[in-house]
Amino acid sequence: MKWLAVSLALVIILLQYRVWLSEDGVREVERLHKAVATQRSENQQLEERNRQLIAEVRDLKTGLEALEERARTELGMVASHETFYQVVPPQAPMPDVRSPSRTVASR
């Protein structure tokens, strides 16, 4: 009877070792939980991106406003009833070559 109790205790200890300390035990389960959480987060981001792309495609197919906005920003197009003005920033004044601060030494 004593040997039976010892052998059962030994089997329980070996099984607990596999659960807690082996590569397929609790550590692997925790690693898998973290991987699943990371993948879910990435999936949510991709789903949001897909929703935005679907809305953009729908706007481009049905509405002229989105198409016109894209033509203006990406292609630089102007409507036929509009006038295009390009504003050029002022340049810094060029130094005057004949200014009195420059002296030329003669020999």
Protein backbone atom coordinates (compact mmCIF):
# COMPACT_ATOMS: atom_id res chain seq x y z
CA MET A 1 0.00 0.00 0.00
CA LYS A 2 2.91 2.30 0.78
CA TRP A 3 4.42 1.68 -2.66
CA LEU A 4 1.14 2.49 -4.34
CA ALA A 5 0.92 5.86 -2.58
CA VAL A 6 4.55 6.66 -3.48
CA SER A 7 4.05 5.70 -7.12
CA LEU A 8 0.83 7.77 -7.36
CA ALA A 9 2.64 10.77 -5.82
CA LEU A 10 5.48 10.32 -8.32
CA VAL A 11 3.02 10.22 -11.24
CA ILE A 12 1.30 13.37 -9.99
CA ILE A 13 4.67 15.14 -9.65
CA LEU A 14 5.67 14.15 -13.19
CA LEU A 15 2.36 15.35 -14.61
CA GLN A 16 2.65 18.66 -12.75
CA TYR A 17 6.17 19.07 -14.12
CA ARG A 18 4.86 18.69 -17.68
CA VAL A 19 2.07 21.19 -17.06
CA TRP A 20 4.14 23.91 -15.39
CA LEU A 21 7.70 23.56 -16.66
CA SER A 22 7.72 21.89 -20.07
CA GLU A 23 7.64 23.74 -23.39
CA ASP A 24 4.06 22.62 -24.06
CA GLY A 25 2.76 23.72 -20.69
CA VAL A 26 1.52 26.94 -19.17
CA ARG A 27 4.24 29.10 -20.77
CA GLU A 28 3.18 28.02 -24.25
CA VAL A 29 -0.46 28.77 -23.46
CA GLU A 30 0.49 32.27 -22.26
CA ARG A 31 2.57 32.86 -25.38
CA LEU A 32 -0.36 31.79 -27.54
CA HIS A 33 -2.74 34.10 -25.64
CA LYS A 34 -0.41 37.04 -26.31
CA ALA A 35 -0.11 36.09 -29.99
CA VAL A 36 -3.91 35.92 -30.32
CA ALA A 37 -4.30 39.33 -28.64
CA THR A 38 -1.71 40.85 -31.00
CA GLN A 39 -3.41 39.33 -34.04
CA ARG A 40 -6.83 40.59 -32.91
CA SER A 41 -5.44 44.10 -32.54
CA GLU A 42 -3.92 43.96 -36.02
CA ASN A 43 -7.18 42.61 -37.43
CA GLN A 44 -9.13 45.52 -35.92
CA GLN A 45 -6.75 48.02 -37.50
CA LEU A 46 -7.06 46.31 -40.88
CA GLU A 47 -10.85 46.17 -40.61
CA GLU A 48 -10.94 49.92 -39.94
CA ARG A 49 -8.67 50.54 -42.94
CA ASN A 50 -10.92 48.34 -45.09
CA ARG A 51 -14.00 50.30 -43.98
CA GLN A 52 -12.29 53.55 -44.97
CA LEU A 53 -11.28 52.15 -48.36
CA ILE A 54 -14.79 50.84 -48.99
CA ALA A 55 -16.25 54.27 -48.16
CA GLU A 56 -13.73 55.96 -50.48
CA VAL A 57 -14.55 53.56 -53.33
CA ARG A 58 -18.28 54.14 -52.81
CA ASP A 59 -17.72 57.92 -52.90
CA LEU A 60 -15.65 57.68 -56.06
CA LYS A 61 -18.26 55.51 -57.79
CA THR A 62 -21.33 57.56 -56.84
CA GLY A 63 -20.32 61.12 -55.99
CA LEU A 64 -18.55 63.62 -58.18
CA GLU A 65 -17.26 65.61 -55.19
CA ALA A 66 -14.74 62.97 -54.14
CA LEU A 67 -13.62 62.49 -57.72
CA GLU A 68 -13.21 66.24 -58.19
CA GLU A 69 -11.28 66.56 -54.92
CA ARG A 70 -8.91 63.79 -55.96
CA ALA A 71 -8.38 65.37 -59.39
CA ARG A 72 -7.51 68.68 -57.74
CA THR A 73 -5.14 67.38 -55.09
CA GLU A 74 -3.39 64.56 -56.92
CA LEU A 75 -3.45 65.73 -60.52
CA GLY A 76 -3.54 69.52 -60.08
CA MET A 77 -6.61 69.89 -62.31
CA VAL A 78 -8.73 73.04 -62.47
CA ALA A 79 -12.39 73.30 -63.49
CA SER A 80 -13.26 75.05 -66.75
CA HIS A 81 -14.96 78.00 -65.01
CA GLU A 82 -12.05 78.61 -62.64
CA THR A 83 -8.86 80.64 -63.01
CA PHE A 84 -5.60 79.19 -61.78
CA TYR A 85 -3.30 81.48 -59.81
CA GLN A 86 0.14 80.45 -58.64
CA VAL A 87 1.56 82.46 -55.76
CA VAL A 88 5.33 82.60 -55.75
CA PRO A 89 7.00 83.62 -52.48
CA PRO A 90 9.24 86.68 -52.75
CA GLN A 91 12.91 85.97 -53.16
CA ALA A 92 15.54 87.44 -50.87
CA PRO A 93 17.04 90.61 -52.34
CA MET A 94 20.25 90.06 -54.25
CA PRO A 95 23.27 91.97 -52.94
CA ASP A 96 24.17 94.92 -55.15
CA VAL A 97 27.50 94.33 -56.85
CA ARG A 98 28.18 98.07 -57.14
CA SER A 99 27.54 98.84 -53.49
CA PRO A 100 30.00 101.19 -51.75
CA SER A 101 30.77 98.61 -49.07
CA ARG A 102 32.81 96.70 -51.62
CA THR A 103 36.08 98.24 -52.47
CA VAL A 104 38.44 97.15 -55.18
CA ALA A 105 42.11 97.58 -54.52
CA SER A 106 44.08 98.98 -57.43
CA ARG A 107 47.74 98.33 -58.08
